[in-house]
Amino acid sequence: MERSLELANMTRVQEFILLGLSMRQGTRDTLFVIFLTLYLLTLLENTLIVYLICSHRELRKPMYFFLGNLSCLEMCYVSVTMPTLLVGLWTGPYYVPFTACMTQLFFFISLICTECTLLSSMAYDRYVAICCPLHYPLLMRPHVCLGLALSSWLGALVVSVIKTACIASLSYCGPNVINHFFCDVSPLLNLSCTHVALTELVDFLSAIVILWGSLAVAIASYVAIARAVLRMPSAAARRKAFSTCASHLVVVGIFYSATIFIYARPSRMEDMNLSKMLSVIYTVVTPMCNPIIYCLRNKEVQAAFRRTLHGS
């Protein structure tokens, strides 16, 4: 009881200090130009994809429906983390109000969970298209696609509400310095002055279900696709299919490897420098690469883009 009263009387942290990606002035200037370019390029790529999918009838298929969702997600995703990264590179360490930090955490958790489930839905869509082509119109009819997309977005919101509420309810009595470029789970747990075992358990279990669950669906889908491709009689068709699947697997592999290493662990990550480097992979690199891998290499998308340029 006395311990509870002591904690209640502690001054609650009202703001955090984000140290950012780098503390060196010369390095920050160079990184600012690089990351600003990558941010604008990511927004341009994904905006173009959404426009092409919405404006061309031939792209109104289940595969492009999910790709459109992924592009909308990537624009939101980078816009949650990149502004704080860029501000930190421009100004150095800076103050972030407690409510702003928790708001950023809420949107980040929601969007990263949505991306996991969307990637697994896209892998399942390719599995049905290649392995069950005769049943594809039935299994991936519009209501099914809409249901998969909505469950990804809404399910992630529910998970984010629970995880953010758990983290926001902890006591932060100081220090208030976050060695990161955005408000992430592990840096905040490291600053808490109360017992965090329950919050860590909630974070770990949700990561296991969402990250490992969606990864299992994606792997199972691509394994089934690989087996189907190996049975194709045409060598050219096999090479084309393997080329497409290999590029998809590279992006999926990089994204899941980094996120699982950071989030699907029973205790919070304490090496924040390593965490920052890995965070760059799934907050900057994959959002920029996804449009190129999934869409801009696609012949139908390229044809739609050429028609748009020629005004037809």
C-alpha atoms as a PDB file:
ATOM      1  CA  MET A   1       0.000   0.000   0.000  1.00  0.00           C
ATOM      2  CA  GLU A   2       2.798   2.400   0.966  1.00  0.00           C
ATOM      3  CA  ARG A   3       4.650   1.495  -2.204  1.00  0.00           C
ATOM      4  CA  SER A   4       1.543   2.315  -4.279  1.00  0.00           C
ATOM      5  CA  LEU A   5       1.202   5.689  -2.578  1.00  0.00           C
ATOM      6  CA  GLU A   6       4.864   6.448  -3.238  1.00  0.00           C
ATOM      7  CA  LEU A   7       4.446   5.678  -6.929  1.00  0.00           C
ATOM      8  CA  ALA A   8       1.280   7.753  -7.125  1.00  0.00           C
ATOM      9  CA  ASN A   9       3.121  10.728  -5.616  1.00  0.00           C
ATOM     10  CA  MET A  10       5.957  10.516  -8.146  1.00  0.00           C
ATOM     11  CA  THR A  11       6.039  13.194 -10.813  1.00  0.00           C
ATOM     12  CA  ARG A  12       4.741  11.653 -14.001  1.00  0.00           C
ATOM     13  CA  VAL A  13       6.773  12.300 -17.133  1.00  0.00           C
ATOM     14  CA  GLN A  14       4.911  14.777 -19.357  1.00  0.00           C
ATOM     15  CA  GLU A  15       7.253  14.583 -22.329  1.00  0.00           C
ATOM     16  CA  PHE A  16      10.026  12.432 -23.753  1.00  0.00           C
ATOM     17  CA  ILE A  17      13.283  13.329 -25.466  1.00  0.00           C
ATOM     18  CA  LEU A  18      13.876  11.478 -28.737  1.00  0.00           C
ATOM     19  CA  LEU A  19      17.600  11.152 -29.429  1.00  0.00           C
ATOM     20  CA  GLY A  20      17.012  10.267 -33.073  1.00  0.00           C
ATOM     21  CA  LEU A  21      18.988   8.100 -35.454  1.00  0.00           C
ATOM     22  CA  SER A  22      22.365   9.824 -35.085  1.00  0.00           C
ATOM     23  CA  MET A  23      23.953  12.385 -32.744  1.00  0.00           C
ATOM     24  CA  ARG A  24      26.719  13.574 -35.108  1.00  0.00           C
ATOM     25  CA  GLN A  25      25.958  16.837 -36.919  1.00  0.00           C
ATOM     26  CA  GLY A  26      27.778  16.002 -40.173  1.00  0.00           C
ATOM     27  CA  THR A  27      26.228  12.547 -40.318  1.00  0.00           C
ATOM     28  CA  ARG A  28      22.758  13.948 -39.555  1.00  0.00           C
ATOM     29  CA  ASP A  29      22.890  16.385 -42.485  1.00  0.00           C
ATOM     30  CA  THR A  30      23.756  13.626 -44.950  1.00  0.00           C
ATOM     31  CA  LEU A  31      21.188  11.216 -43.518  1.00  0.00           C
ATOM     32  CA  PHE A  32      18.510  13.921 -43.606  1.00  0.00           C
ATOM     33  CA  VAL A  33      18.898  14.341 -47.373  1.00  0.00           C
ATOM     34  CA  ILE A  34      18.939  10.564 -47.928  1.00  0.00           C
ATOM     35  CA  PHE A  35      15.883   9.807 -45.797  1.00  0.00           C
ATOM     36  CA  LEU A  36      13.892  12.795 -47.083  1.00  0.00           C
ATOM     37  CA  THR A  37      14.518  11.544 -50.637  1.00  0.00           C
ATOM     38  CA  LEU A  38      13.465   8.013 -49.672  1.00  0.00           C
ATOM     39  CA  TYR A  39      10.334   9.339 -47.941  1.00  0.00           C
ATOM     40  CA  LEU A  40       9.227  11.392 -50.936  1.00  0.00           C
ATOM     41  CA  LEU A  41      10.030   8.510 -53.306  1.00  0.00           C
ATOM     42  CA  THR A  42       7.957   6.098 -51.204  1.00  0.00           C
ATOM     43  CA  LEU A  43       4.986   8.479 -51.197  1.00  0.00           C
ATOM     44  CA  LEU A  44       5.294   9.017 -54.964  1.00  0.00           C
ATOM     45  CA  GLU A  45       5.516   5.283 -55.749  1.00  0.00           C
ATOM     46  CA  ASN A  46       2.531   4.340 -53.624  1.00  0.00           C
ATOM     47  CA  THR A  47       0.405   7.290 -54.741  1.00  0.00           C
ATOM     48  CA  LEU A  48       1.056   6.289 -58.351  1.00  0.00           C
ATOM     49  CA  ILE A  49       0.014   2.689 -57.672  1.00  0.00           C
ATOM     50  CA  VAL A  50      -3.223   3.703 -55.947  1.00  0.00           C
ATOM     51  CA  TYR A  51      -4.036   6.067 -58.822  1.00  0.00           C
ATOM     52  CA  LEU A  52      -3.359   3.423 -61.480  1.00  0.00           C
ATOM     53  CA  ILE A  53      -5.457   0.780 -59.694  1.00  0.00           C
ATOM     54  CA  CYS A  54      -8.377   3.170 -59.198  1.00  0.00           C
ATOM     55  CA  SER A  55      -8.304   4.605 -62.720  1.00  0.00           C
ATOM     56  CA  HIS A  56      -7.867   1.448 -64.830  1.00  0.00           C
ATOM     57  CA  ARG A  57     -10.573  -1.186 -65.064  1.00  0.00           C
ATOM     58  CA  GLU A  58      -8.178  -3.980 -66.001  1.00  0.00           C
ATOM     59  CA  LEU A  59      -6.469  -3.580 -62.620  1.00  0.00           C
ATOM     60  CA  ARG A  60      -9.651  -4.124 -60.640  1.00  0.00           C
ATOM     61  CA  LYS A  61      -8.765  -7.671 -59.652  1.00  0.00           C
ATOM     62  CA  PRO A  62      -8.244  -9.256 -56.220  1.00  0.00           C
ATOM     63  CA  MET A  63      -4.454  -9.085 -56.506  1.00  0.00           C
ATOM     64  CA  TYR A  64      -4.502  -5.361 -57.248  1.00  0.00           C
ATOM     65  CA  PHE A  65      -7.151  -4.754 -54.599  1.00  0.00           C
ATOM     66  CA  PHE A  66      -4.699  -6.037 -51.975  1.00  0.00           C
ATOM     67  CA  LEU A  67      -1.818  -4.149 -53.581  1.00  0.00           C
ATOM     68  CA  GLY A  68      -3.867  -0.960 -53.404  1.00  0.00           C
ATOM     69  CA  ASN A  69      -4.498  -1.601 -49.718  1.00  0.00           C
ATOM     70  CA  LEU A  70      -0.789  -2.230 -49.186  1.00  0.00           C
ATOM     71  CA  SER A  71       0.125   1.024 -50.935  1.00  0.00           C
ATOM     72  CA  CYS A  72      -2.342   3.021 -48.804  1.00  0.00           C
ATOM     73  CA  LEU A  73      -0.882   1.317 -45.752  1.00  0.00           C
ATOM     74  CA  GLU A  74       2.709   2.122 -46.736  1.00  0.00           C
ATOM     75  CA  MET A  75       1.895   5.818 -47.180  1.00  0.00           C
ATOM     76  CA  CYS A  76       0.356   5.940 -43.702  1.00  0.00           C
ATOM     77  CA  TYR A  77       3.117   3.783 -42.262  1.00  0.00           C
ATOM     78  CA  VAL A  78       6.048   5.930 -43.397  1.00  0.00           C
ATOM     79  CA  SER A  79       4.147   9.086 -42.461  1.00  0.00           C
ATOM     80  CA  VAL A  80       3.918   7.875 -38.851  1.00  0.00           C
ATOM     81  CA  THR A  81       7.653   7.241 -38.325  1.00  0.00           C
ATOM     82  CA  MET A  82       9.556   9.242 -40.954  1.00  0.00           C
ATOM     83  CA  PRO A  83       8.576  12.780 -39.792  1.00  0.00           C
ATOM     84  CA  THR A  84      10.068  12.194 -36.330  1.00  0.00           C
ATOM     85  CA  LEU A  85      13.148  10.605 -37.910  1.00  0.00           C
ATOM     86  CA  LEU A  86      13.602  13.634 -40.176  1.00  0.00           C
ATOM     87  CA  VAL A  87      13.009  16.149 -37.363  1.00  0.00           C
ATOM     88  CA  GLY A  88      15.612  14.352 -35.244  1.00  0.00           C
ATOM     89  CA  LEU A  89      18.139  14.499 -38.098  1.00  0.00           C
ATOM     90  CA  TRP A  90      17.384  18.185 -38.704  1.00  0.00           C
ATOM     91  CA  THR A  91      17.362  19.468 -35.110  1.00  0.00           C
ATOM     92  CA  GLY A  92      19.036  16.757 -33.056  1.00  0.00           C
ATOM     93  CA  PRO A  93      17.395  15.462 -29.832  1.00  0.00           C
ATOM     94  CA  TYR A  94      14.004  17.067 -29.266  1.00  0.00           C
ATOM     95  CA  TYR A  95      10.995  16.936 -26.935  1.00  0.00           C
ATOM     96  CA  VAL A  96       7.846  14.944 -27.713  1.00  0.00           C
ATOM     97  CA  PRO A  97       4.740  15.321 -25.484  1.00  0.00           C
ATOM     98  CA  PHE A  98       3.538  12.155 -23.738  1.00  0.00           C
ATOM     99  CA  THR A  99       0.201  12.144 -25.609  1.00  0.00           C
ATOM    100  CA  ALA A 100       1.916  12.630 -28.976  1.00  0.00           C
ATOM    101  CA  CYS A 101       4.272   9.756 -28.201  1.00  0.00           C
ATOM    102  CA  MET A 102       1.404   7.416 -27.303  1.00  0.00           C
ATOM    103  CA  THR A 103      -0.536   8.517 -30.389  1.00  0.00           C
ATOM    104  CA  GLN A 104       2.432   7.678 -32.611  1.00  0.00           C
ATOM    105  CA  LEU A 105       2.804   4.324 -30.843  1.00  0.00           C
ATOM    106  CA  PHE A 106      -0.889   3.532 -31.400  1.00  0.00           C
ATOM    107  CA  PHE A 107      -0.750   4.196 -35.144  1.00  0.00           C
ATOM    108  CA  PHE A 108       2.584   2.427 -35.530  1.00  0.00           C
ATOM    109  CA  ILE A 109       1.375  -0.769 -33.830  1.00  0.00           C
ATOM    110  CA  SER A 110      -1.869  -0.699 -35.791  1.00  0.00           C
ATOM    111  CA  LEU A 111      -0.139  -0.266 -39.145  1.00  0.00           C
ATOM    112  CA  ILE A 112       2.620  -2.823 -38.606  1.00  0.00           C
ATOM    113  CA  CYS A 113       0.012  -5.419 -37.549  1.00  0.00           C
ATOM    114  CA  THR A 114      -2.061  -4.570 -40.620  1.00  0.00           C
ATOM    115  CA  GLU A 115       0.964  -5.017 -42.865  1.00  0.00           C
ATOM    116  CA  CYS A 116       1.662  -8.480 -41.436  1.00  0.00           C
ATOM    117  CA  THR A 117      -1.869  -9.716 -42.105  1.00  0.00           C
ATOM    118  CA  LEU A 118      -2.078  -8.030 -45.520  1.00  0.00           C
ATOM    119  CA  LEU A 119       1.138  -9.708 -46.662  1.00  0.00           C
ATOM    120  CA  SER A 120      -0.268 -13.092 -45.634  1.00  0.00           C
ATOM    121  CA  SER A 121      -3.553 -12.330 -47.455  1.00  0.00           C
ATOM    122  CA  MET A 122      -1.606 -11.441 -50.595  1.00  0.00           C
ATOM    123  CA  ALA A 123       0.373 -14.684 -50.354  1.00  0.00           C
ATOM    124  CA  TYR A 124      -2.894 -16.626 -49.999  1.00  0.00           C
ATOM    125  CA  ASP A 125      -4.325 -14.812 -53.033  1.00  0.00           C
ATOM    126  CA  ARG A 126      -1.333 -15.910 -55.144  1.00  0.00           C
ATOM    127  CA  TYR A 127      -1.668 -19.457 -53.808  1.00  0.00           C
ATOM    128  CA  VAL A 128      -5.315 -19.660 -54.917  1.00  0.00           C
ATOM    129  CA  ALA A 129      -4.514 -18.085 -58.307  1.00  0.00           C
ATOM    130  CA  ILE A 130      -1.706 -20.540 -59.090  1.00  0.00           C
ATOM    131  CA  CYS A 131      -2.767 -23.715 -57.289  1.00  0.00           C
ATOM    132  CA  CYS A 132      -6.579 -23.480 -57.629  1.00  0.00           C
ATOM    133  CA  PRO A 133      -7.145 -21.392 -60.784  1.00  0.00           C
ATOM    134  CA  LEU A 134     -10.577 -22.876 -61.546  1.00  0.00           C
ATOM    135  CA  HIS A 135     -11.850 -21.978 -58.077  1.00  0.00           C
ATOM    136  CA  TYR A 136     -10.186 -18.548 -57.991  1.00  0.00           C
ATOM    137  CA  PRO A 137     -13.297 -16.502 -58.966  1.00  0.00           C
ATOM    138  CA  LEU A 138     -15.257 -18.193 -56.166  1.00  0.00           C
ATOM    139  CA  LEU A 139     -12.597 -18.278 -53.437  1.00  0.00           C
ATOM    140  CA  MET A 140     -11.444 -14.703 -54.066  1.00  0.00           C
ATOM    141  CA  ARG A 141     -14.775 -13.075 -54.902  1.00  0.00           C
ATOM    142  CA  PRO A 142     -15.159  -9.382 -53.921  1.00  0.00           C
ATOM    143  CA  HIS A 143     -16.854 -10.080 -50.565  1.00  0.00           C
ATOM    144  CA  VAL A 144     -14.017 -12.396 -49.521  1.00  0.00           C
ATOM    145  CA  CYS A 145     -11.344  -9.871 -50.522  1.00  0.00           C
ATOM    146  CA  LEU A 146     -13.148  -7.085 -48.682  1.00  0.00           C
ATOM    147  CA  GLY A 147     -13.508  -9.297 -45.611  1.00  0.00           C
ATOM    148  CA  LEU A 148      -9.802 -10.151 -45.579  1.00  0.00           C
ATOM    149  CA  ALA A 149      -8.817  -6.491 -45.939  1.00  0.00           C
ATOM    150  CA  LEU A 150     -11.261  -5.266 -43.285  1.00  0.00           C
ATOM    151  CA  SER A 151     -10.207  -7.961 -40.842  1.00  0.00           C
ATOM    152  CA  SER A 152      -6.584  -6.874 -41.345  1.00  0.00           C
ATOM    153  CA  TRP A 153      -7.304  -3.204 -40.635  1.00  0.00           C
ATOM    154  CA  LEU A 154      -9.873  -3.632 -37.847  1.00  0.00           C
ATOM    155  CA  GLY A 155      -8.075  -6.522 -36.130  1.00  0.00           C
ATOM    156  CA  ALA A 156      -4.893  -4.461 -36.020  1.00  0.00           C
ATOM    157  CA  LEU A 157      -6.798  -1.538 -34.461  1.00  0.00           C
ATOM    158  CA  VAL A 158      -8.063  -3.785 -31.654  1.00  0.00           C
ATOM    159  CA  VAL A 159      -4.566  -5.130 -30.965  1.00  0.00           C
ATOM    160  CA  SER A 160      -3.144  -1.613 -31.011  1.00  0.00           C
ATOM    161  CA  VAL A 161      -5.739  -0.306 -28.544  1.00  0.00           C
ATOM    162  CA  ILE A 162      -4.887  -3.081 -26.074  1.00  0.00           C
ATOM    163  CA  LYS A 163      -1.098  -2.758 -26.391  1.00  0.00           C
ATOM    164  CA  THR A 164      -1.080   1.053 -26.326  1.00  0.00           C
ATOM    165  CA  ALA A 165      -3.405   1.130 -23.294  1.00  0.00           C
ATOM    166  CA  CYS A 166      -1.077  -1.252 -21.435  1.00  0.00           C
ATOM    167  CA  ILE A 167       1.993   0.855 -22.200  1.00  0.00           C
ATOM    168  CA  ALA A 168       0.300   4.203 -21.530  1.00  0.00           C
ATOM    169  CA  SER A 169      -0.929   2.976 -18.120  1.00  0.00           C
ATOM    170  CA  LEU A 170       2.630   2.376 -16.903  1.00  0.00           C
ATOM    171  CA  SER A 171       4.336   4.970 -14.708  1.00  0.00           C
ATOM    172  CA  TYR A 172       7.186   6.973 -16.207  1.00  0.00           C
ATOM    173  CA  CYS A 173       9.054   8.838 -13.488  1.00  0.00           C
ATOM    174  CA  GLY A 174      12.301   9.614 -15.288  1.00  0.00           C
ATOM    175  CA  PRO A 175      14.670   9.497 -17.035  1.00  0.00           C
ATOM    176  CA  ASN A 176      12.653  10.467 -20.079  1.00  0.00           C
ATOM    177  CA  VAL A 177      15.268  10.024 -22.817  1.00  0.00           C
ATOM    178  CA  ILE A 178      14.299   7.607 -25.634  1.00  0.00           C
ATOM    179  CA  ASN A 179      17.285   6.329 -27.597  1.00  0.00           C
ATOM    180  CA  HIS A 180      15.292   5.908 -30.804  1.00  0.00           C
ATOM    181  CA  PHE A 181      13.856   7.946 -33.682  1.00  0.00           C
ATOM    182  CA  PHE A 182      10.214   7.208 -32.830  1.00  0.00           C
ATOM    183  CA  CYS A 183       8.155   6.028 -29.859  1.00  0.00           C
ATOM    184  CA  ASP A 184       8.478   2.249 -29.979  1.00  0.00           C
ATOM    185  CA  VAL A 185       7.505  -0.468 -27.502  1.00  0.00           C
ATOM    186  CA  SER A 186      10.909  -1.541 -26.125  1.00  0.00           C
ATOM    187  CA  PRO A 187      12.319   1.982 -25.534  1.00  0.00           C
ATOM    188  CA  LEU A 188       9.178   2.932 -23.591  1.00  0.00           C
ATOM    189  CA  LEU A 189       9.206  -0.253 -21.516  1.00  0.00           C
ATOM    190  CA  ASN A 190      12.854   0.412 -20.665  1.00  0.00           C
ATOM    191  CA  LEU A 191      11.875   3.814 -19.218  1.00  0.00           C
ATOM    192  CA  SER A 192       9.000   2.582 -17.052  1.00  0.00           C
ATOM    193  CA  CYS A 193       9.544   2.739 -13.291  1.00  0.00           C
ATOM    194  CA  THR A 194       6.839   0.149 -12.573  1.00  0.00           C
ATOM    195  CA  HIS A 195       6.629  -3.603 -13.055  1.00  0.00           C
ATOM    196  CA  VAL A 196       6.274  -4.349 -16.786  1.00  0.00           C
ATOM    197  CA  ALA A 197       6.011  -8.164 -16.785  1.00  0.00           C
ATOM    198  CA  LEU A 198       2.301  -8.167 -17.691  1.00  0.00           C
ATOM    199  CA  THR A 199       2.790  -5.599 -20.468  1.00  0.00           C
ATOM    200  CA  GLU A 200       5.725  -7.596 -21.832  1.00  0.00           C
ATOM    201  CA  LEU A 201       3.585 -10.744 -21.800  1.00  0.00           C
ATOM    202  CA  VAL A 202       0.748  -9.006 -23.708  1.00  0.00           C
ATOM    203  CA  ASP A 203       3.267  -7.642 -26.215  1.00  0.00           C
ATOM    204  CA  PHE A 204       4.959 -11.023 -26.636  1.00  0.00           C
ATOM    205  CA  LEU A 205       1.720 -13.019 -27.070  1.00  0.00           C
ATOM    206  CA  SER A 206       0.258 -10.577 -29.584  1.00  0.00           C
ATOM    207  CA  ALA A 207       3.529 -10.640 -31.553  1.00  0.00           C
ATOM    208  CA  ILE A 208       3.516 -14.447 -31.561  1.00  0.00           C
ATOM    209  CA  VAL A 209      -0.063 -14.606 -32.854  1.00  0.00           C
ATOM    210  CA  ILE A 210       0.219 -11.838 -35.461  1.00  0.00           C
ATOM    211  CA  LEU A 211       3.813 -12.111 -36.640  1.00  0.00           C
ATOM    212  CA  TRP A 212       4.314 -15.870 -36.494  1.00  0.00           C
ATOM    213  CA  GLY A 213       0.714 -16.599 -37.515  1.00  0.00           C
ATOM    214  CA  SER A 214       0.803 -14.416 -40.621  1.00  0.00           C
ATOM    215  CA  LEU A 215       4.317 -15.625 -41.478  1.00  0.00           C
ATOM    216  CA  ALA A 216       3.130 -19.252 -41.270  1.00  0.00           C
ATOM    217  CA  VAL A 217       0.300 -18.497 -43.726  1.00  0.00           C
ATOM    218  CA  ALA A 218       2.716 -16.744 -46.105  1.00  0.00           C
ATOM    219  CA  ILE A 219       5.296 -19.548 -45.962  1.00  0.00           C
ATOM    220  CA  ALA A 220       2.667 -22.272 -46.445  1.00  0.00           C
ATOM    221  CA  SER A 221       1.272 -20.386 -49.449  1.00  0.00           C
ATOM    222  CA  TYR A 222       4.666 -19.919 -51.106  1.00  0.00           C
ATOM    223  CA  VAL A 223       5.671 -23.539 -50.449  1.00  0.00           C
ATOM    224  CA  ALA A 224       2.470 -24.719 -52.149  1.00  0.00           C
ATOM    225  CA  ILE A 225       3.140 -22.289 -55.023  1.00  0.00           C
ATOM    226  CA  ALA A 226       6.696 -23.614 -55.406  1.00  0.00           C
ATOM    227  CA  ARG A 227       5.436 -27.197 -55.593  1.00  0.00           C
ATOM    228  CA  ALA A 228       2.878 -26.196 -58.234  1.00  0.00           C
ATOM    229  CA  VAL A 229       5.494 -24.314 -60.242  1.00  0.00           C
ATOM    230  CA  LEU A 230       7.861 -27.297 -60.231  1.00  0.00           C
ATOM    231  CA  ARG A 231       5.136 -29.344 -61.911  1.00  0.00           C
ATOM    232  CA  MET A 232       4.767 -26.844 -64.764  1.00  0.00           C
ATOM    233  CA  PRO A 233       5.811 -28.404 -68.105  1.00  0.00           C
ATOM    234  CA  SER A 234       7.236 -25.170 -69.525  1.00  0.00           C
ATOM    235  CA  ALA A 235      10.727 -24.156 -68.376  1.00  0.00           C
ATOM    236  CA  ALA A 236      10.048 -20.521 -69.315  1.00  0.00           C
ATOM    237  CA  ALA A 237       6.884 -20.477 -67.189  1.00  0.00           C
ATOM    238  CA  ARG A 238       8.812 -21.976 -64.261  1.00  0.00           C
ATOM    239  CA  ARG A 239      11.564 -19.337 -64.507  1.00  0.00           C
ATOM    240  CA  LYS A 240       9.025 -16.508 -64.654  1.00  0.00           C
ATOM    241  CA  ALA A 241       7.056 -17.829 -61.672  1.00  0.00           C
ATOM    242  CA  PHE A 242      10.193 -18.438 -59.598  1.00  0.00           C
ATOM    243  CA  SER A 243      11.510 -14.974 -60.426  1.00  0.00           C
ATOM    244  CA  THR A 244       8.275 -13.370 -59.203  1.00  0.00           C
ATOM    245  CA  CYS A 245       8.009 -15.520 -56.070  1.00  0.00           C
ATOM    246  CA  ALA A 246      11.687 -15.075 -55.208  1.00  0.00           C
ATOM    247  CA  SER A 247      11.407 -11.274 -55.228  1.00  0.00           C
ATOM    248  CA  HIS A 248       8.264 -11.463 -53.090  1.00  0.00           C
ATOM    249  CA  LEU A 249      10.004 -13.811 -50.641  1.00  0.00           C
ATOM    250  CA  VAL A 250      12.987 -11.471 -50.319  1.00  0.00           C
ATOM    251  CA  VAL A 251      10.754  -8.572 -49.227  1.00  0.00           C
ATOM    252  CA  VAL A 252       8.647 -10.770 -46.933  1.00  0.00           C
ATOM    253  CA  GLY A 253      11.769 -12.377 -45.474  1.00  0.00           C
ATOM    254  CA  ILE A 254      13.491  -9.057 -44.708  1.00  0.00           C
ATOM    255  CA  PHE A 255      10.357  -7.549 -43.156  1.00  0.00           C
ATOM    256  CA  TYR A 256       9.500 -10.534 -40.971  1.00  0.00           C
ATOM    257  CA  SER A 257      13.103 -11.215 -39.921  1.00  0.00           C
ATOM    258  CA  ALA A 258      13.531  -7.693 -38.533  1.00  0.00           C
ATOM    259  CA  THR A 259      10.097  -7.445 -36.888  1.00  0.00           C
ATOM    260  CA  ILE A 260      10.202 -10.920 -35.331  1.00  0.00           C
ATOM    261  CA  PHE A 261      13.707 -10.311 -33.939  1.00  0.00           C
ATOM    262  CA  ILE A 262      12.558  -7.090 -32.251  1.00  0.00           C
ATOM    263  CA  TYR A 263       8.976  -7.862 -31.196  1.00  0.00           C
ATOM    264  CA  ALA A 264       8.501 -11.655 -30.942  1.00  0.00           C
ATOM    265  CA  ARG A 265      10.705 -12.064 -27.873  1.00  0.00           C
ATOM    266  CA  PRO A 266       9.678 -12.737 -24.263  1.00  0.00           C
ATOM    267  CA  SER A 267      11.446  -9.643 -22.881  1.00  0.00           C
ATOM    268  CA  ARG A 268      11.985  -6.114 -24.133  1.00  0.00           C
ATOM    269  CA  MET A 269      14.966  -5.361 -26.348  1.00  0.00           C
ATOM    270  CA  GLU A 270      17.657  -3.380 -24.502  1.00  0.00           C
ATOM    271  CA  ASP A 271      20.202  -2.750 -27.276  1.00  0.00           C
ATOM    272  CA  MET A 272      18.602   0.388 -28.711  1.00  0.00           C
ATOM    273  CA  ASN A 273      21.330   1.034 -31.306  1.00  0.00           C
ATOM    274  CA  LEU A 274      20.647  -2.370 -32.858  1.00  0.00           C
ATOM    275  CA  SER A 275      16.911  -1.722 -32.564  1.00  0.00           C
ATOM    276  CA  LYS A 276      17.263   1.557 -34.476  1.00  0.00           C
ATOM    277  CA  MET A 277      19.200  -0.084 -37.294  1.00  0.00           C
ATOM    278  CA  LEU A 278      16.653  -2.888 -37.636  1.00  0.00           C
ATOM    279  CA  SER A 279      13.777  -0.407 -37.420  1.00  0.00           C
ATOM    280  CA  VAL A 280      15.131   1.414 -40.478  1.00  0.00           C
ATOM    281  CA  ILE A 281      14.672  -1.823 -42.450  1.00  0.00           C
ATOM    282  CA  TYR A 282      10.944  -2.219 -41.845  1.00  0.00           C
ATOM    283  CA  THR A 283      10.012   1.461 -41.530  1.00  0.00           C
ATOM    284  CA  VAL A 284      12.008   2.801 -44.504  1.00  0.00           C
ATOM    285  CA  VAL A 285      13.434   0.076 -46.741  1.00  0.00           C
ATOM    286  CA  THR A 286      10.454  -2.278 -47.139  1.00  0.00           C
ATOM    287  CA  PRO A 287       7.852   0.496 -47.724  1.00  0.00           C
ATOM    288  CA  MET A 288      10.077   1.803 -50.518  1.00  0.00           C
ATOM    289  CA  CYS A 289      10.788  -1.634 -52.033  1.00  0.00           C
ATOM    290  CA  ASN A 290       7.259  -3.091 -51.833  1.00  0.00           C
ATOM    291  CA  PRO A 291       5.810  -0.980 -54.705  1.00  0.00           C
ATOM    292  CA  ILE A 292       8.742  -1.897 -56.954  1.00  0.00           C
ATOM    293  CA  ILE A 293       8.652  -5.611 -56.138  1.00  0.00           C
ATOM    294  CA  TYR A 294       4.882  -6.108 -56.137  1.00  0.00           C
ATOM    295  CA  CYS A 295       3.648  -3.608 -58.722  1.00  0.00           C
ATOM    296  CA  LEU A 296       6.068  -1.606 -60.814  1.00  0.00           C
ATOM    297  CA  ARG A 297       7.697  -4.786 -62.199  1.00  0.00           C
ATOM    298  CA  ASN A 298       4.245  -6.072 -63.169  1.00  0.00           C
ATOM    299  CA  LYS A 299       3.475  -5.931 -66.912  1.00  0.00           C
ATOM    300  CA  GLU A 300      -0.190  -4.985 -66.442  1.00  0.00           C
ATOM    301  CA  VAL A 301       0.783  -2.105 -64.150  1.00  0.00           C
ATOM    302  CA  GLN A 302       3.493  -1.007 -66.582  1.00  0.00           C
ATOM    303  CA  ALA A 303       0.981  -1.044 -69.451  1.00  0.00           C
ATOM    304  CA  ALA A 304      -1.493   1.011 -67.398  1.00  0.00           C
ATOM    305  CA  PHE A 305       1.280   3.471 -66.542  1.00  0.00           C
ATOM    306  CA  ARG A 306       2.222   3.886 -70.216  1.00  0.00           C
ATOM    307  CA  ARG A 307      -1.418   4.491 -71.150  1.00  0.00           C
ATOM    308  CA  THR A 308      -1.626   7.121 -68.412  1.00  0.00           C
ATOM    309  CA  LEU A 309       1.480   8.876 -69.726  1.00  0.00           C
ATOM    310  CA  HIS A 310       0.054   8.910 -73.242  1.00  0.00           C
ATOM    311  CA  GLY A 311      -3.300  10.173 -71.997  1.00  0.00           C
ATOM    312  CA  SER A 312      -5.321   7.215 -73.270  1.00  0.00           C
END
